[in-house]
Structure formats: structure tokens, C-alpha cells
Amino acid sequence: IIAEASTRFVCIIDSSKRVDLLGGFPLPVEVIPMARSLVARKLVALGGQPVWRENCVTDNGNWILDVHNMRIVDPVALEENVNQIPGVVSVGLFARRPADVVIVGGSRLARKS
């Protein structure tokens, strides 16, 4: 909601997050608790291996599935596909809207539109 309402998207990461190909780290997916099993099955069908992050409850009372071994060749399409799964609140991909400013380990990179 905040991202959609914002005029600028600033992404702050540490240098370990910068990679040539996405998918080396588990992809976090926030799900409503009653949909955890359904979402997990759908994520398996997309090629991932979801693992429930036990004892972790988001500020909205939801749960997190960490999806391992997800091959992310088309991040925009994957973000859209995962967000369309019933029960998904949010996915840890931000590909649909590129960042206007990226801060990596203290260095600032501005994206020109």
C-alpha cells in the first residue's frame, strides 16, 4: 500500500544482497495463516521449496514462508504470479516497480527515468 501511494521508491540494501541472478536466497512470502498449506502447494508448483518460518508472526498477524531454490528468471512475472495466489499478502520481490534510488552499503545509485 505504501509503495503504491509513494511517488518515489528508495531501496536500501547491504552489499550481500546484490547478485547477478536472483534466487540464491530464500524468497519470503507473507501469507494469511489459514492459507499456508494452499500457498505452499502453489509455490511448489512454481518450482520452489517453501519452508514455514516457525515462531514468526508479522505485525499484521500473518506467517512467512521462505521459498528455497526458486529459479527467478523473470522477476516481474514471478512477482505477479505469486501475488495472485489466494492467501498471499505480499512477496519479497519488488520487480514491477524499479527503485528510483538504491542505497547499497552506504553508496547511493540514482535511477534516471
N, C-alpha and C. Protein backbone atom coordinates (compact mmCIF):
# COMPACT_ATOMS: atom_id res chain seq x y z
N ILE A 1 0.83 -1.19 0.00
CA ILE A 1 0.00 0.00 0.00
C ILE A 1 0.88 1.25 0.00
N ILE A 2 1.88 1.25 0.85
CA ILE A 2 2.78 2.41 0.93
C ILE A 2 3.51 2.60 -0.39
N ALA A 3 4.00 1.51 -0.98
CA ALA A 3 4.73 1.62 -2.25
C ALA A 3 3.85 2.19 -3.35
N GLU A 4 2.61 1.74 -3.41
CA GLU A 4 1.70 2.24 -4.44
C GLU A 4 1.34 3.70 -4.24
N ALA A 5 1.29 4.14 -3.00
CA ALA A 5 0.92 5.53 -2.70
C ALA A 5 2.10 6.48 -2.80
N SER A 6 3.30 5.94 -2.89
CA SER A 6 4.51 6.78 -2.88
C SER A 6 4.85 7.29 -4.27
N THR A 7 5.47 8.45 -4.30
CA THR A 7 5.92 9.00 -5.58
C THR A 7 7.34 8.54 -5.92
N ARG A 8 8.12 8.14 -4.90
CA ARG A 8 9.48 7.64 -5.12
C ARG A 8 9.67 6.35 -4.34
N PHE A 9 10.45 5.44 -4.93
CA PHE A 9 10.77 4.18 -4.27
C PHE A 9 12.26 4.17 -3.99
N VAL A 10 12.61 4.16 -2.71
CA VAL A 10 14.01 4.12 -2.28
C VAL A 10 14.27 2.73 -1.71
N CYS A 11 15.25 2.04 -2.26
CA CYS A 11 15.60 0.69 -1.82
C CYS A 11 16.95 0.74 -1.12
N ILE A 12 16.99 0.26 0.13
CA ILE A 12 18.22 0.26 0.92
C ILE A 12 18.60 -1.19 1.19
N ILE A 13 19.80 -1.59 0.74
CA ILE A 13 20.27 -2.96 0.92
C ILE A 13 21.72 -2.95 1.36
N ASP A 14 22.17 -4.09 1.92
CA ASP A 14 23.60 -4.21 2.18
C ASP A 14 24.23 -4.91 0.97
N SER A 15 25.53 -4.85 0.86
CA SER A 15 26.22 -5.33 -0.33
C SER A 15 26.02 -6.83 -0.58
N SER A 16 25.69 -7.61 0.43
CA SER A 16 25.49 -9.05 0.23
C SER A 16 24.23 -9.36 -0.58
N LYS A 17 23.31 -8.41 -0.68
CA LYS A 17 22.05 -8.62 -1.41
C LYS A 17 22.21 -8.42 -2.92
N ARG A 18 23.29 -7.81 -3.34
CA ARG A 18 23.50 -7.55 -4.76
C ARG A 18 24.01 -8.82 -5.45
N VAL A 19 23.24 -9.32 -6.41
CA VAL A 19 23.59 -10.55 -7.12
C VAL A 19 23.32 -10.37 -8.61
N ASP A 20 23.96 -11.23 -9.41
CA ASP A 20 23.73 -11.19 -10.86
C ASP A 20 22.42 -11.89 -11.24
N LEU A 21 22.08 -12.96 -10.51
CA LEU A 21 20.86 -13.72 -10.80
C LEU A 21 20.11 -13.95 -9.49
N LEU A 22 18.83 -13.61 -9.48
CA LEU A 22 18.01 -13.79 -8.28
C LEU A 22 17.72 -15.27 -8.04
N GLY A 23 17.53 -15.63 -6.79
CA GLY A 23 17.16 -16.99 -6.45
C GLY A 23 18.16 -17.68 -5.53
N GLY A 24 19.28 -17.05 -5.27
CA GLY A 24 20.28 -17.64 -4.38
C GLY A 24 19.89 -17.60 -2.92
N PHE A 25 19.00 -16.68 -2.58
CA PHE A 25 18.49 -16.55 -1.22
C PHE A 25 17.04 -16.98 -1.20
N PRO A 26 16.55 -17.49 -0.07
CA PRO A 26 15.12 -17.82 0.01
C PRO A 26 14.25 -16.58 -0.23
N LEU A 27 13.15 -16.78 -0.92
CA LEU A 27 12.21 -15.70 -1.22
C LEU A 27 11.12 -15.68 -0.15
N PRO A 28 11.01 -14.60 0.64
CA PRO A 28 9.98 -14.55 1.67
C PRO A 28 8.61 -14.24 1.07
N VAL A 29 7.61 -14.98 1.53
CA VAL A 29 6.23 -14.77 1.09
C VAL A 29 5.37 -14.69 2.35
N GLU A 30 4.69 -13.56 2.54
CA GLU A 30 3.79 -13.40 3.69
C GLU A 30 2.42 -13.96 3.32
N VAL A 31 1.89 -14.83 4.19
CA VAL A 31 0.61 -15.48 3.91
C VAL A 31 -0.32 -15.38 5.12
N ILE A 32 -1.63 -15.38 4.84
CA ILE A 32 -2.56 -15.45 5.97
C ILE A 32 -2.50 -16.88 6.51
N PRO A 33 -2.57 -17.06 7.83
CA PRO A 33 -2.35 -18.38 8.43
C PRO A 33 -3.22 -19.50 7.85
N MET A 34 -4.50 -19.24 7.61
CA MET A 34 -5.37 -20.31 7.13
C MET A 34 -5.03 -20.77 5.71
N ALA A 35 -4.22 -20.00 4.99
CA ALA A 35 -3.89 -20.34 3.60
C ALA A 35 -2.49 -20.92 3.44
N ARG A 36 -1.79 -21.12 4.55
CA ARG A 36 -0.39 -21.54 4.47
C ARG A 36 -0.20 -22.79 3.61
N SER A 37 -0.98 -23.82 3.83
CA SER A 37 -0.81 -25.08 3.08
C SER A 37 -1.13 -24.90 1.60
N LEU A 38 -2.21 -24.19 1.31
CA LEU A 38 -2.58 -23.93 -0.09
C LEU A 38 -1.47 -23.16 -0.80
N VAL A 39 -1.00 -22.09 -0.18
CA VAL A 39 0.05 -21.28 -0.79
C VAL A 39 1.31 -22.11 -0.98
N ALA A 40 1.66 -22.91 0.01
CA ALA A 40 2.86 -23.76 -0.10
C ALA A 40 2.76 -24.70 -1.30
N ARG A 41 1.60 -25.31 -1.50
CA ARG A 41 1.42 -26.22 -2.65
C ARG A 41 1.57 -25.46 -3.97
N LYS A 42 1.02 -24.26 -4.03
CA LYS A 42 1.12 -23.46 -5.26
C LYS A 42 2.58 -23.06 -5.53
N LEU A 43 3.32 -22.75 -4.46
CA LEU A 43 4.72 -22.37 -4.61
C LEU A 43 5.57 -23.56 -5.06
N VAL A 44 5.23 -24.76 -4.60
CA VAL A 44 5.90 -25.97 -5.08
C VAL A 44 5.63 -26.14 -6.57
N ALA A 45 4.40 -25.88 -7.00
CA ALA A 45 4.05 -25.99 -8.42
C ALA A 45 4.82 -24.99 -9.28
N LEU A 46 5.23 -23.88 -8.66
CA LEU A 46 6.03 -22.88 -9.38
C LEU A 46 7.53 -23.21 -9.34
N GLY A 47 7.88 -24.32 -8.68
CA GLY A 47 9.28 -24.76 -8.68
C GLY A 47 10.05 -24.49 -7.40
N GLY A 48 9.39 -23.94 -6.39
CA GLY A 48 10.08 -23.62 -5.14
C GLY A 48 9.90 -24.68 -4.07
N GLN A 49 10.66 -24.52 -2.99
CA GLN A 49 10.55 -25.40 -1.83
C GLN A 49 10.26 -24.52 -0.62
N PRO A 50 8.97 -24.30 -0.31
CA PRO A 50 8.61 -23.42 0.80
C PRO A 50 8.87 -24.05 2.17
N VAL A 51 9.38 -23.23 3.08
CA VAL A 51 9.61 -23.65 4.46
C VAL A 51 8.94 -22.61 5.35
N TRP A 52 8.08 -23.08 6.25
CA TRP A 52 7.39 -22.19 7.18
C TRP A 52 8.39 -21.64 8.18
N ARG A 53 8.45 -20.33 8.32
CA ARG A 53 9.32 -19.69 9.29
C ARG A 53 8.59 -19.72 10.64
N GLU A 54 8.79 -20.81 11.38
CA GLU A 54 8.07 -21.02 12.64
C GLU A 54 8.40 -19.94 13.66
N ASN A 55 7.43 -19.68 14.51
CA ASN A 55 7.56 -18.68 15.59
C ASN A 55 7.79 -17.27 15.06
N CYS A 56 7.39 -17.03 13.83
CA CYS A 56 7.50 -15.69 13.25
C CYS A 56 6.09 -15.25 12.83
N VAL A 57 5.62 -14.20 13.45
CA VAL A 57 4.31 -13.64 13.12
C VAL A 57 4.53 -12.18 12.73
N THR A 58 4.00 -11.79 11.58
CA THR A 58 4.18 -10.41 11.13
C THR A 58 3.35 -9.47 12.00
N ASP A 59 3.57 -8.19 11.83
CA ASP A 59 2.82 -7.20 12.62
C ASP A 59 1.33 -7.23 12.30
N ASN A 60 0.96 -7.86 11.18
CA ASN A 60 -0.46 -8.00 10.83
C ASN A 60 -1.02 -9.36 11.20
N GLY A 61 -0.24 -10.17 11.93
CA GLY A 61 -0.70 -11.48 12.36
C GLY A 61 -0.57 -12.58 11.32
N ASN A 62 0.23 -12.34 10.30
CA ASN A 62 0.40 -13.33 9.24
C ASN A 62 1.69 -14.12 9.44
N TRP A 63 1.87 -15.14 8.59
CA TRP A 63 3.04 -16.01 8.67
C TRP A 63 3.92 -15.81 7.45
N ILE A 64 5.15 -16.30 7.54
CA ILE A 64 6.12 -16.19 6.45
C ILE A 64 6.49 -17.58 5.96
N LEU A 65 6.46 -17.76 4.65
CA LEU A 65 7.04 -18.93 4.01
C LEU A 65 8.32 -18.48 3.32
N ASP A 66 9.43 -19.13 3.61
CA ASP A 66 10.68 -18.85 2.91
C ASP A 66 10.80 -19.88 1.80
N VAL A 67 10.83 -19.41 0.55
CA VAL A 67 10.83 -20.31 -0.60
C VAL A 67 12.26 -20.48 -1.09
N HIS A 68 12.77 -21.69 -0.93
CA HIS A 68 14.14 -22.03 -1.32
C HIS A 68 14.16 -22.56 -2.75
N ASN A 69 15.32 -22.43 -3.38
CA ASN A 69 15.58 -23.00 -4.71
C ASN A 69 14.60 -22.53 -5.77
N MET A 70 14.10 -21.32 -5.63
CA MET A 70 13.19 -20.76 -6.63
C MET A 70 14.04 -20.14 -7.73
N ARG A 71 13.88 -20.64 -8.93
CA ARG A 71 14.62 -20.10 -10.07
C ARG A 71 13.87 -18.85 -10.54
N ILE A 72 14.53 -17.70 -10.42
CA ILE A 72 13.86 -16.44 -10.74
C ILE A 72 14.47 -15.87 -12.01
N VAL A 73 13.93 -16.29 -13.14
CA VAL A 73 14.42 -15.84 -14.44
C VAL A 73 13.68 -14.57 -14.87
N ASP A 74 12.38 -14.52 -14.59
CA ASP A 74 11.55 -13.37 -14.93
C ASP A 74 10.92 -12.84 -13.64
N PRO A 75 11.62 -11.94 -12.93
CA PRO A 75 11.14 -11.48 -11.63
C PRO A 75 9.77 -10.79 -11.68
N VAL A 76 9.50 -10.05 -12.73
CA VAL A 76 8.22 -9.35 -12.83
C VAL A 76 7.08 -10.37 -12.91
N ALA A 77 7.22 -11.36 -13.78
CA ALA A 77 6.18 -12.38 -13.92
C ALA A 77 6.02 -13.19 -12.64
N LEU A 78 7.14 -13.54 -11.99
CA LEU A 78 7.04 -14.31 -10.76
C LEU A 78 6.36 -13.50 -9.66
N GLU A 79 6.70 -12.23 -9.54
CA GLU A 79 6.05 -11.37 -8.54
C GLU A 79 4.54 -11.34 -8.77
N GLU A 80 4.13 -11.17 -10.02
CA GLU A 80 2.70 -11.13 -10.34
C GLU A 80 2.03 -12.47 -10.06
N ASN A 81 2.69 -13.58 -10.44
CA ASN A 81 2.11 -14.91 -10.23
C ASN A 81 1.95 -15.22 -8.74
N VAL A 82 2.96 -14.93 -7.94
CA VAL A 82 2.88 -15.23 -6.51
C VAL A 82 1.83 -14.35 -5.85
N ASN A 83 1.78 -13.08 -6.22
CA ASN A 83 0.78 -12.18 -5.62
C ASN A 83 -0.65 -12.56 -5.98
N GLN A 84 -0.84 -13.35 -7.04
CA GLN A 84 -2.18 -13.78 -7.44
C GLN A 84 -2.65 -15.04 -6.71
N ILE A 85 -1.76 -15.68 -5.95
CA ILE A 85 -2.15 -16.89 -5.21
C ILE A 85 -3.05 -16.47 -4.06
N PRO A 86 -4.24 -17.06 -3.95
CA PRO A 86 -5.13 -16.72 -2.83
C PRO A 86 -4.44 -16.99 -1.49
N GLY A 87 -4.47 -16.00 -0.62
CA GLY A 87 -3.84 -16.14 0.69
C GLY A 87 -2.50 -15.46 0.81
N VAL A 88 -1.91 -15.06 -0.32
CA VAL A 88 -0.64 -14.33 -0.28
C VAL A 88 -0.94 -12.87 0.03
N VAL A 89 -0.23 -12.35 1.01
CA VAL A 89 -0.34 -10.93 1.36
C VAL A 89 0.69 -10.14 0.57
N SER A 90 1.91 -10.65 0.54
CA SER A 90 3.00 -9.93 -0.12
C SER A 90 4.15 -10.89 -0.39
N VAL A 91 4.93 -10.57 -1.40
CA VAL A 91 6.11 -11.36 -1.73
C VAL A 91 7.33 -10.44 -1.69
N GLY A 92 8.46 -10.98 -1.32
CA GLY A 92 9.68 -10.18 -1.18
C GLY A 92 10.39 -9.88 -2.48
N LEU A 93 9.64 -9.71 -3.55
CA LEU A 93 10.18 -9.26 -4.83
C LEU A 93 9.58 -7.89 -5.11
N PHE A 94 10.40 -7.01 -5.61
CA PHE A 94 9.93 -5.66 -5.92
C PHE A 94 10.37 -5.33 -7.34
N ALA A 95 9.95 -6.17 -8.28
CA ALA A 95 10.41 -6.05 -9.66
C ALA A 95 9.48 -5.22 -10.53
N ARG A 96 8.19 -5.19 -10.20
CA ARG A 96 7.23 -4.45 -11.03
C ARG A 96 7.54 -2.97 -11.06
N ARG A 97 8.01 -2.46 -9.95
CA ARG A 97 8.32 -1.03 -9.87
C ARG A 97 9.79 -0.88 -9.51
N PRO A 98 10.64 -0.54 -10.48
CA PRO A 98 12.06 -0.38 -10.18
C PRO A 98 12.29 0.78 -9.21
N ALA A 99 13.32 0.65 -8.41
CA ALA A 99 13.64 1.70 -7.44
C ALA A 99 14.11 2.96 -8.15
N ASP A 100 13.71 4.11 -7.61
CA ASP A 100 14.20 5.39 -8.10
C ASP A 100 15.60 5.66 -7.56
N VAL A 101 15.84 5.23 -6.33
CA VAL A 101 17.14 5.38 -5.68
C VAL A 101 17.47 4.07 -4.98
N VAL A 102 18.69 3.59 -5.18
CA VAL A 102 19.16 2.39 -4.49
C VAL A 102 20.37 2.77 -3.65
N ILE A 103 20.33 2.41 -2.38
CA ILE A 103 21.46 2.65 -1.49
C ILE A 103 22.02 1.29 -1.11
N VAL A 104 23.27 1.04 -1.55
CA VAL A 104 23.93 -0.24 -1.32
C VAL A 104 25.12 -0.02 -0.40
N GLY A 105 25.01 -0.50 0.82
CA GLY A 105 26.12 -0.41 1.76
C GLY A 105 26.68 0.99 1.90
N GLY A 106 25.81 1.99 1.89
CA GLY A 106 26.25 3.37 2.07
C GLY A 106 26.49 4.13 0.77
N SER A 107 26.55 3.43 -0.37
CA SER A 107 26.73 4.09 -1.66
C SER A 107 25.36 4.32 -2.29
N ARG A 108 25.17 5.48 -2.87
CA ARG A 108 23.87 5.83 -3.44
C ARG A 108 23.92 5.76 -4.96
N LEU A 109 22.95 5.08 -5.55
CA LEU A 109 22.82 5.00 -7.00
C LEU A 109 21.45 5.53 -7.38
N ALA A 110 21.40 6.55 -8.20
CA ALA A 110 20.11 7.11 -8.61
C ALA A 110 19.74 6.56 -9.98
N ARG A 111 18.49 6.19 -10.14
CA ARG A 111 17.98 5.70 -11.42
C ARG A 111 17.31 6.86 -12.12
N LYS A 112 17.67 7.07 -13.37
CA LYS A 112 17.04 8.16 -14.14
C LYS A 112 15.88 7.59 -14.92
N SER A 113 14.75 8.27 -14.84
CA SER A 113 13.55 7.82 -15.56
C SER A 113 13.55 8.33 -16.97
